[in-house]
Amino acid sequence: MFTGIIETLGELTKLKREGGNLHLTIKSNITPELKIDQSVAHNGVCLTVVNIEDDLYTVTAIDETLQKTNLGELKTGDYINLERAMVLGARLDGHIVQGHVDQTGECINIQEQDGSWVFTFKYDADLNNLTIEKGSITIDGTSLTVVGSEKNSFSVAIIPYTYEHTRFNTYKIGTVVNLEFDVIGKYVSRLLELRK
């Protein structure tokens, strides 16, 4: 379980394919605090630490994960949003994030607004995910509030701190991002669907 508050960025130093799996080796300032078998969110994807050497650690993404997320599009040298699992009893600064990406989305507009930014993303509405105005959304693991909601698109406002300390400063029109929709909204939607 995560909160969507990004702790740091990690640099992807090595990619290794093994069958349908992709091993990602990451350099990060949190590596010394990690343990083998620990869960860490990578662009919002919960992956297990399988190896640690000095300031590098390795995680493995299976084929299903690669099909549903943007991890398969990463290249050596790319930066990844990182968050360790939340600690029970600690402050929940974002929202409840599972680290289970629902689908990808695509950046379709970026507007600078006097020191902040509004990013708009489109997604496949046929997968029955939805956003609501002032609801929560997770983009590449970052917990955000929806400021504009349409059937297959939504917008979020990004403050300078978030822009500087996450992958948002690398996004361009066409960038593919991981989306995790609000878990409470997903359960409510499913319950209403079952009542029909």
Protein backbone atom coordinates (compact mmCIF):
# COMPACT_ATOMS: atom_id res chain seq x y z
CA MET A 1 0.00 0.00 0.00
CA PHE A 2 1.28 3.46 -0.95
CA THR A 3 0.21 7.09 -0.60
CA GLY A 4 1.24 8.52 -3.97
CA ILE A 5 3.73 10.93 -2.41
CA ILE A 6 6.91 10.42 -4.44
CA GLU A 7 10.00 10.11 -2.23
CA THR A 8 12.69 10.42 -4.86
CA LEU A 9 13.66 9.76 -8.44
CA GLY A 10 15.72 6.73 -9.41
CA GLU A 11 17.91 6.42 -12.50
CA LEU A 12 17.45 3.33 -14.64
CA THR A 13 20.98 1.97 -15.16
CA LYS A 14 20.34 -1.44 -16.73
CA LEU A 15 17.56 -3.37 -18.48
CA LYS A 16 17.76 -7.13 -18.95
CA ARG A 17 15.18 -9.29 -20.72
CA GLU A 18 14.70 -12.86 -19.56
CA GLY A 19 11.87 -14.63 -21.32
CA GLY A 20 8.75 -12.53 -20.75
CA ASN A 21 10.33 -10.77 -17.76
CA LEU A 22 12.21 -7.49 -17.65
CA HIS A 23 14.78 -6.90 -14.90
CA LEU A 24 15.27 -3.20 -14.10
CA THR A 25 18.34 -2.05 -12.18
CA ILE A 26 17.98 1.34 -10.54
CA LYS A 27 20.39 3.74 -8.86
CA SER A 28 18.73 5.58 -5.99
CA ASN A 29 19.50 7.40 -2.76
CA ILE A 30 17.01 5.12 -0.93
CA THR A 31 18.83 1.91 -1.97
CA PRO A 32 20.78 1.62 1.34
CA GLU A 33 17.44 1.51 3.20
CA LEU A 34 15.91 -1.24 1.03
CA LYS A 35 15.77 -4.97 1.73
CA ILE A 36 15.38 -7.96 -0.57
CA ASP A 37 11.66 -8.87 -0.95
CA GLN A 38 10.52 -5.31 -0.14
CA SER A 39 7.83 -3.62 -2.24
CA VAL A 40 8.64 -0.31 -3.96
CA ALA A 41 6.39 1.63 -6.36
CA HIS A 42 8.11 2.43 -9.70
CA ASN A 43 6.09 4.99 -11.68
CA GLY A 44 3.21 3.71 -9.56
CA VAL A 45 3.87 0.01 -10.23
CA CYS A 46 4.45 -2.12 -7.12
CA LEU A 47 7.54 -4.29 -7.74
CA THR A 48 9.61 -6.49 -5.43
CA VAL A 49 13.30 -5.84 -4.76
CA VAL A 50 15.19 -8.98 -5.86
CA ASN A 51 18.83 -7.83 -5.63
CA ILE A 52 20.85 -5.04 -3.97
CA GLU A 53 24.47 -4.08 -4.73
CA ASP A 54 25.91 -0.85 -3.33
CA ASP A 55 23.59 2.00 -4.47
CA LEU A 56 21.89 -0.19 -7.12
CA TYR A 57 18.89 -2.46 -6.72
CA THR A 58 16.98 -4.68 -9.14
CA VAL A 59 13.27 -5.42 -9.56
CA THR A 60 11.50 -7.67 -12.06
CA ALA A 61 8.41 -6.85 -14.13
CA ILE A 62 6.49 -9.76 -15.66
CA ASP A 63 4.91 -9.67 -19.12
CA GLU A 64 1.42 -8.76 -17.81
CA THR A 65 2.89 -5.75 -16.02
CA LEU A 66 4.76 -4.71 -19.15
CA GLN A 67 1.56 -4.95 -21.22
CA LYS A 68 -0.45 -2.74 -18.82
CA THR A 69 2.15 -0.12 -17.90
CA ASN A 70 4.80 2.17 -19.39
CA LEU A 71 7.70 0.20 -17.85
CA GLY A 72 8.44 -1.60 -21.12
CA GLU A 73 9.01 1.76 -22.84
CA LEU A 74 11.73 2.90 -20.42
CA LYS A 75 15.33 3.25 -21.59
CA THR A 76 18.64 3.25 -19.73
CA GLY A 77 19.17 6.73 -18.28
CA ASP A 78 15.45 7.41 -17.76
CA TYR A 79 14.28 8.56 -14.35
CA ILE A 80 11.57 6.75 -12.41
CA ASN A 81 9.26 8.03 -9.65
CA LEU A 82 9.95 5.98 -6.48
CA GLU A 83 7.94 5.45 -3.31
CA ARG A 84 8.44 2.87 -0.59
CA ALA A 85 5.39 1.25 1.00
CA MET A 86 3.58 3.34 3.58
CA VAL A 87 4.15 2.76 7.29
CA LEU A 88 1.01 1.98 9.31
CA GLY A 89 0.41 4.68 11.87
CA ALA A 90 2.10 7.36 9.77
CA ARG A 91 0.39 10.35 8.20
CA LEU A 92 -1.40 9.57 4.89
CA ASP A 93 -0.49 12.65 2.84
CA GLY A 94 -1.78 11.48 -0.56
CA HIS A 95 -4.54 8.92 -0.95
CA ILE A 96 -4.76 5.13 -0.78
CA VAL A 97 -2.68 3.79 -3.67
CA GLN A 98 -2.30 0.06 -4.28
CA GLY A 99 0.51 0.13 -6.82
CA HIS A 100 -1.72 -1.79 -9.25
CA VAL A 101 -1.85 0.17 -12.50
CA ASP A 102 -5.27 0.04 -14.19
CA GLN A 103 -4.16 1.24 -17.62
CA THR A 104 -1.94 3.73 -19.38
CA GLY A 105 -2.88 7.20 -20.56
CA GLU A 106 -1.34 9.70 -22.94
CA CYS A 107 -0.46 13.33 -22.31
CA ILE A 108 -2.44 15.44 -24.80
CA ASN A 109 -1.95 18.98 -23.50
CA ILE A 110 0.38 20.97 -21.24
CA GLN A 111 -0.44 24.54 -20.23
CA GLU A 112 1.88 26.69 -18.17
CA GLN A 113 -0.14 28.96 -15.89
CA ASP A 114 1.96 31.63 -14.20
CA GLY A 115 4.28 29.29 -12.30
CA SER A 116 2.21 26.11 -12.30
CA TRP A 117 1.11 23.69 -15.00
CA VAL A 118 -2.09 21.96 -16.09
CA PHE A 119 -1.54 18.58 -17.74
CA THR A 120 -4.33 16.84 -19.65
CA PHE A 121 -4.34 13.09 -20.29
CA LYS A 122 -6.58 10.86 -22.39
CA TYR A 123 -7.32 7.20 -21.66
CA ASP A 124 -9.41 4.36 -23.05
CA ALA A 125 -12.84 4.81 -21.42
CA ASP A 126 -13.93 1.37 -22.71
CA LEU A 127 -12.01 -0.15 -19.79
CA ASN A 128 -14.67 1.33 -17.45
CA ASN A 129 -12.33 3.49 -15.40
CA LEU A 130 -13.47 6.98 -14.56
CA THR A 131 -12.43 10.21 -12.93
CA ILE A 132 -14.49 12.81 -11.12
CA GLU A 133 -13.86 16.50 -10.54
CA LYS A 134 -11.84 16.90 -7.29
CA GLY A 135 -11.39 13.11 -7.10
CA SER A 136 -8.04 11.35 -6.76
CA ILE A 137 -5.92 9.89 -9.56
CA THR A 138 -2.42 8.43 -9.54
CA ILE A 139 -0.15 9.28 -12.49
CA ASP A 140 3.16 7.39 -12.60
CA GLY A 141 2.68 6.85 -8.86
CA THR A 142 2.00 10.51 -8.03
CA SER A 143 -1.18 11.18 -6.04
CA LEU A 144 -3.07 14.08 -7.63
CA THR A 145 -6.45 15.80 -7.61
CA VAL A 146 -8.49 15.88 -10.82
CA VAL A 147 -9.30 19.46 -11.86
CA GLY A 148 -11.13 18.65 -15.08
CA SER A 149 -12.96 15.40 -15.86
CA GLU A 150 -14.38 14.19 -19.17
CA LYS A 151 -15.49 10.74 -20.38
CA ASN A 152 -12.04 9.72 -21.64
CA SER A 153 -9.77 12.50 -20.38
CA PHE A 154 -8.91 14.50 -17.30
CA SER A 155 -6.62 17.30 -16.18
CA VAL A 156 -4.44 17.84 -13.12
CA ALA A 157 -2.73 20.98 -11.81
CA ILE A 158 0.95 20.63 -10.94
CA ILE A 159 2.72 22.91 -8.48
CA PRO A 160 6.43 23.77 -8.94
CA TYR A 161 7.60 21.35 -6.21
CA THR A 162 5.86 18.37 -7.85
CA TYR A 163 7.08 19.47 -11.28
CA GLU A 164 10.70 19.65 -10.10
CA HIS A 165 10.75 16.46 -7.97
CA THR A 166 8.88 13.98 -10.20
CA ARG A 167 8.86 12.86 -13.83
CA PHE A 168 6.38 15.63 -14.73
CA ASN A 169 9.25 17.84 -15.90
CA THR A 170 10.02 15.25 -18.61
CA TYR A 171 6.48 14.89 -19.97
CA LYS A 172 5.70 16.04 -23.51
CA ILE A 173 2.64 15.70 -25.72
CA GLY A 174 2.43 11.97 -26.43
CA THR A 175 4.16 10.77 -23.24
CA VAL A 176 2.59 7.52 -22.01
CA VAL A 177 1.91 7.38 -18.26
CA ASN A 178 0.66 4.78 -15.79
CA LEU A 179 -2.79 5.44 -14.33
CA GLU A 180 -4.24 4.02 -11.13
CA PHE A 181 -7.79 5.20 -10.59
CA ASP A 182 -9.15 5.78 -7.09
CA VAL A 183 -9.73 2.40 -5.39
CA ILE A 184 -12.83 3.58 -3.52
CA GLY A 185 -14.33 4.90 -6.76
CA LYS A 186 -13.61 1.57 -8.46
CA TYR A 187 -15.46 -0.37 -5.75
CA VAL A 188 -18.45 2.00 -5.83
CA SER A 189 -18.59 1.76 -9.62
CA ARG A 190 -18.46 -2.05 -9.49
CA LEU A 191 -21.19 -2.24 -6.84
CA LEU A 192 -23.49 -0.03 -8.91
CA GLU A 193 -22.78 -2.17 -11.95
CA LEU A 194 -23.72 -5.35 -10.04
CA ARG A 195 -27.02 -3.79 -8.87
CA LYS A 196 -28.17 -3.20 -12.44
